Amino acid sequence: MRTPDALSLSSKRIEQIMQKRRRFKHTTTLEERLAKEAKQLREEAGLLPPGPVRDGLLRRARQDETASHMTEWLNSRGLQPPRG
């Protein structure tokens, strides 16, 4: 049989596990946020001398731009589900 302390600990643990995720609505689309971040990263990279830090910022900017294009493509009306 469990002691009262064991019961209170398990209920505390359950409470931690069951915490609700904080949610919020974005005011801009994912594509807009990615484009803004890519622009900011390119501006930061433009202020740096050539080197690994600058290359890393430019790489992240390209990744953001690629992700933006991919989400646009995935959300496009022209994309059809596979037939089978």
N, C-alpha and C. Protein backbone atom coordinates (compact mmCIF):
# COMPACT_ATOMS: atom_id res chain seq x y z
N MET A 1 0.84 -1.18 0.00
CA MET A 1 0.00 0.00 0.00
C MET A 1 0.89 1.24 0.00
N ARG A 2 0.48 2.25 -0.73
CA ARG A 2 1.28 3.48 -0.82
C ARG A 2 1.05 4.38 0.38
N THR A 3 2.08 5.09 0.72
CA THR A 3 1.97 6.05 1.80
C THR A 3 1.43 7.36 1.23
N PRO A 4 0.91 8.25 2.06
CA PRO A 4 0.42 9.54 1.56
C PRO A 4 1.50 10.33 0.83
N ASP A 5 2.76 10.22 1.29
CA ASP A 5 3.84 10.93 0.61
C ASP A 5 4.04 10.43 -0.81
N ALA A 6 3.97 9.11 -0.99
CA ALA A 6 4.14 8.52 -2.31
C ALA A 6 3.01 8.96 -3.23
N LEU A 7 1.80 9.04 -2.71
CA LEU A 7 0.67 9.48 -3.53
C LEU A 7 0.82 10.93 -3.95
N SER A 8 1.26 11.78 -3.03
CA SER A 8 1.40 13.20 -3.37
C SER A 8 2.53 13.41 -4.38
N LEU A 9 3.59 12.63 -4.28
CA LEU A 9 4.68 12.74 -5.25
C LEU A 9 4.22 12.30 -6.63
N SER A 10 3.47 11.23 -6.70
CA SER A 10 3.04 10.77 -8.01
C SER A 10 2.04 11.75 -8.63
N SER A 11 1.20 12.37 -7.83
CA SER A 11 0.25 13.34 -8.38
C SER A 11 0.99 14.59 -8.85
N LYS A 12 2.06 14.98 -8.16
CA LYS A 12 2.87 16.11 -8.61
C LYS A 12 3.53 15.79 -9.94
N ARG A 13 4.01 14.56 -10.06
CA ARG A 13 4.66 14.15 -11.30
C ARG A 13 3.66 14.13 -12.45
N ILE A 14 2.47 13.63 -12.19
CA ILE A 14 1.43 13.61 -13.21
C ILE A 14 1.07 15.03 -13.63
N GLU A 15 1.02 15.93 -12.68
CA GLU A 15 0.72 17.33 -12.98
C GLU A 15 1.79 17.92 -13.90
N GLN A 16 3.05 17.61 -13.66
CA GLN A 16 4.13 18.11 -14.50
C GLN A 16 4.00 17.56 -15.91
N ILE A 17 3.67 16.29 -16.02
CA ILE A 17 3.55 15.67 -17.33
C ILE A 17 2.37 16.23 -18.10
N MET A 18 1.30 16.54 -17.42
CA MET A 18 0.07 16.96 -18.07
C MET A 18 -0.03 18.47 -18.28
N GLN A 19 1.03 19.21 -18.02
CA GLN A 19 0.97 20.65 -18.22
C GLN A 19 0.61 20.95 -19.66
N LYS A 20 -0.22 21.96 -19.82
CA LYS A 20 -0.64 22.32 -21.16
C LYS A 20 0.44 23.11 -21.87
N ARG A 21 0.53 22.87 -23.15
CA ARG A 21 1.49 23.58 -23.98
C ARG A 21 0.97 24.98 -24.24
N ARG A 22 1.85 25.96 -24.10
CA ARG A 22 1.46 27.33 -24.40
C ARG A 22 1.35 27.49 -25.90
N ARG A 23 0.23 28.00 -26.36
CA ARG A 23 0.02 28.18 -27.79
C ARG A 23 -0.26 29.65 -28.07
N PHE A 24 0.11 30.08 -29.24
CA PHE A 24 -0.19 31.44 -29.65
C PHE A 24 -0.32 31.49 -31.15
N LYS A 25 -1.06 32.47 -31.61
CA LYS A 25 -1.26 32.65 -33.05
C LYS A 25 -0.20 33.57 -33.59
N HIS A 26 0.40 33.18 -34.70
CA HIS A 26 1.37 34.04 -35.36
C HIS A 26 0.61 35.09 -36.16
N THR A 27 1.14 36.29 -36.18
CA THR A 27 0.50 37.36 -36.96
C THR A 27 1.01 37.39 -38.39
N THR A 28 2.10 36.69 -38.65
CA THR A 28 2.65 36.60 -40.01
C THR A 28 2.77 35.13 -40.40
N THR A 29 2.82 34.88 -41.69
CA THR A 29 2.94 33.51 -42.16
C THR A 29 4.35 32.98 -41.92
N LEU A 30 4.49 31.68 -41.99
CA LEU A 30 5.80 31.06 -41.84
C LEU A 30 6.75 31.57 -42.92
N GLU A 31 6.25 31.68 -44.15
CA GLU A 31 7.09 32.16 -45.25
C GLU A 31 7.61 33.56 -44.97
N GLU A 32 6.75 34.43 -44.43
CA GLU A 32 7.17 35.80 -44.11
C GLU A 32 8.22 35.82 -43.00
N ARG A 33 8.02 35.00 -41.99
CA ARG A 33 8.99 34.94 -40.89
C ARG A 33 10.33 34.41 -41.37
N LEU A 34 10.31 33.39 -42.24
CA LEU A 34 11.55 32.84 -42.77
C LEU A 34 12.27 33.86 -43.65
N ALA A 35 11.51 34.58 -44.48
CA ALA A 35 12.12 35.60 -45.35
C ALA A 35 12.74 36.72 -44.52
N LYS A 36 12.06 37.12 -43.46
CA LYS A 36 12.58 38.18 -42.59
C LYS A 36 13.88 37.73 -41.92
N GLU A 37 13.89 36.49 -41.42
CA GLU A 37 15.10 35.99 -40.77
C GLU A 37 16.24 35.87 -41.78
N ALA A 38 15.95 35.40 -43.00
CA ALA A 38 16.99 35.27 -44.02
C ALA A 38 17.57 36.63 -44.35
N LYS A 39 16.72 37.64 -44.47
CA LYS A 39 17.21 38.99 -44.77
C LYS A 39 18.10 39.50 -43.64
N GLN A 40 17.67 39.29 -42.40
CA GLN A 40 18.46 39.73 -41.24
C GLN A 40 19.81 39.01 -41.20
N LEU A 41 19.81 37.70 -41.47
CA LEU A 41 21.06 36.94 -41.45
C LEU A 41 22.01 37.43 -42.54
N ARG A 42 21.49 37.74 -43.72
CA ARG A 42 22.34 38.24 -44.81
C ARG A 42 22.92 39.61 -44.45
N GLU A 43 22.12 40.45 -43.79
CA GLU A 43 22.63 41.76 -43.37
C GLU A 43 23.75 41.59 -42.35
N GLU A 44 23.56 40.70 -41.39
CA GLU A 44 24.60 40.44 -40.38
C GLU A 44 25.86 39.89 -41.04
N ALA A 45 25.67 38.98 -42.00
CA ALA A 45 26.83 38.39 -42.68
C ALA A 45 27.58 39.44 -43.49
N GLY A 46 26.86 40.42 -44.03
CA GLY A 46 27.50 41.48 -44.80
C GLY A 46 28.42 42.36 -43.97
N LEU A 47 28.22 42.37 -42.67
CA LEU A 47 29.05 43.19 -41.78
C LEU A 47 30.31 42.45 -41.30
N LEU A 48 30.36 41.15 -41.59
CA LEU A 48 31.48 40.34 -41.11
C LEU A 48 32.51 40.11 -42.20
N PRO A 49 33.77 39.93 -41.80
CA PRO A 49 34.79 39.57 -42.79
C PRO A 49 34.59 38.11 -43.22
N PRO A 50 35.11 37.75 -44.38
CA PRO A 50 34.99 36.35 -44.81
C PRO A 50 35.55 35.41 -43.75
N GLY A 51 34.86 34.29 -43.56
CA GLY A 51 35.30 33.32 -42.57
C GLY A 51 34.16 32.38 -42.21
N PRO A 52 34.41 31.50 -41.26
CA PRO A 52 33.41 30.48 -40.92
C PRO A 52 32.13 31.04 -40.30
N VAL A 53 32.24 32.12 -39.53
CA VAL A 53 31.03 32.70 -38.92
C VAL A 53 30.13 33.28 -39.99
N ARG A 54 30.73 34.02 -40.91
CA ARG A 54 29.97 34.60 -42.01
C ARG A 54 29.35 33.49 -42.87
N ASP A 55 30.14 32.47 -43.17
CA ASP A 55 29.63 31.35 -43.96
C ASP A 55 28.45 30.67 -43.28
N GLY A 56 28.51 30.55 -41.97
CA GLY A 56 27.42 29.93 -41.22
C GLY A 56 26.14 30.75 -41.31
N LEU A 57 26.27 32.08 -41.21
CA LEU A 57 25.09 32.93 -41.32
C LEU A 57 24.48 32.85 -42.72
N LEU A 58 25.33 32.83 -43.74
CA LEU A 58 24.83 32.73 -45.12
C LEU A 58 24.17 31.37 -45.36
N ARG A 59 24.72 30.33 -44.76
CA ARG A 59 24.14 28.99 -44.89
C ARG A 59 22.74 28.97 -44.26
N ARG A 60 22.62 29.55 -43.07
CA ARG A 60 21.31 29.60 -42.42
C ARG A 60 20.31 30.41 -43.23
N ALA A 61 20.77 31.50 -43.84
CA ALA A 61 19.89 32.32 -44.68
C ALA A 61 19.38 31.49 -45.86
N ARG A 62 20.27 30.74 -46.50
CA ARG A 62 19.86 29.88 -47.63
C ARG A 62 18.88 28.81 -47.17
N GLN A 63 19.11 28.25 -45.99
CA GLN A 63 18.20 27.23 -45.46
C GLN A 63 16.81 27.82 -45.21
N ASP A 64 16.77 29.04 -44.68
CA ASP A 64 15.48 29.70 -44.46
C ASP A 64 14.76 29.93 -45.78
N GLU A 65 15.50 30.38 -46.78
CA GLU A 65 14.89 30.63 -48.09
C GLU A 65 14.38 29.33 -48.71
N THR A 66 15.16 28.27 -48.59
CA THR A 66 14.74 26.97 -49.11
C THR A 66 13.49 26.47 -48.39
N ALA A 67 13.47 26.60 -47.07
CA ALA A 67 12.30 26.18 -46.30
C ALA A 67 11.07 26.98 -46.70
N SER A 68 11.24 28.27 -46.94
CA SER A 68 10.12 29.11 -47.36
C SER A 68 9.56 28.63 -48.69
N HIS A 69 10.45 28.35 -49.64
CA HIS A 69 10.01 27.86 -50.96
C HIS A 69 9.32 26.51 -50.83
N MET A 70 9.83 25.65 -49.97
CA MET A 70 9.23 24.33 -49.80
C MET A 70 7.83 24.43 -49.20
N THR A 71 7.64 25.29 -48.21
CA THR A 71 6.31 25.42 -47.61
C THR A 71 5.33 26.04 -48.60
N GLU A 72 5.80 26.98 -49.40
CA GLU A 72 4.94 27.54 -50.44
C GLU A 72 4.51 26.44 -51.40
N TRP A 73 5.44 25.59 -51.81
CA TRP A 73 5.13 24.51 -52.74
C TRP A 73 4.17 23.51 -52.10
N LEU A 74 4.43 23.14 -50.84
CA LEU A 74 3.57 22.17 -50.17
C LEU A 74 2.15 22.71 -49.97
N ASN A 75 2.02 24.01 -49.79
CA ASN A 75 0.70 24.61 -49.57
C ASN A 75 0.01 25.03 -50.86
N SER A 76 0.67 24.86 -51.99
CA SER A 76 0.10 25.31 -53.25
C SER A 76 -1.08 24.42 -53.66
N ARG A 77 -1.99 25.02 -54.43
CA ARG A 77 -3.15 24.27 -54.90
C ARG A 77 -2.76 23.24 -55.96
N GLY A 78 -1.66 23.47 -56.63
CA GLY A 78 -1.23 22.57 -57.69
C GLY A 78 -0.73 21.23 -57.19
N LEU A 79 -0.39 21.15 -55.91
CA LEU A 79 0.11 19.90 -55.35
C LEU A 79 -1.05 18.95 -55.15
N GLN A 80 -0.96 17.78 -55.74
CA GLN A 80 -2.04 16.79 -55.68
C GLN A 80 -1.59 15.60 -54.84
N PRO A 81 -2.53 15.02 -54.08
CA PRO A 81 -2.17 13.81 -53.31
C PRO A 81 -1.87 12.66 -54.26
N PRO A 82 -1.05 11.71 -53.83
CA PRO A 82 -0.74 10.57 -54.69
C PRO A 82 -1.99 9.73 -54.95
N ARG A 83 -2.08 9.22 -56.17
CA ARG A 83 -3.21 8.36 -56.53
C ARG A 83 -2.81 6.91 -56.30
N GLY A 84 -3.74 6.15 -55.78
CA GLY A 84 -3.33 4.79 -55.57
C GLY A 84 -4.38 3.84 -55.41
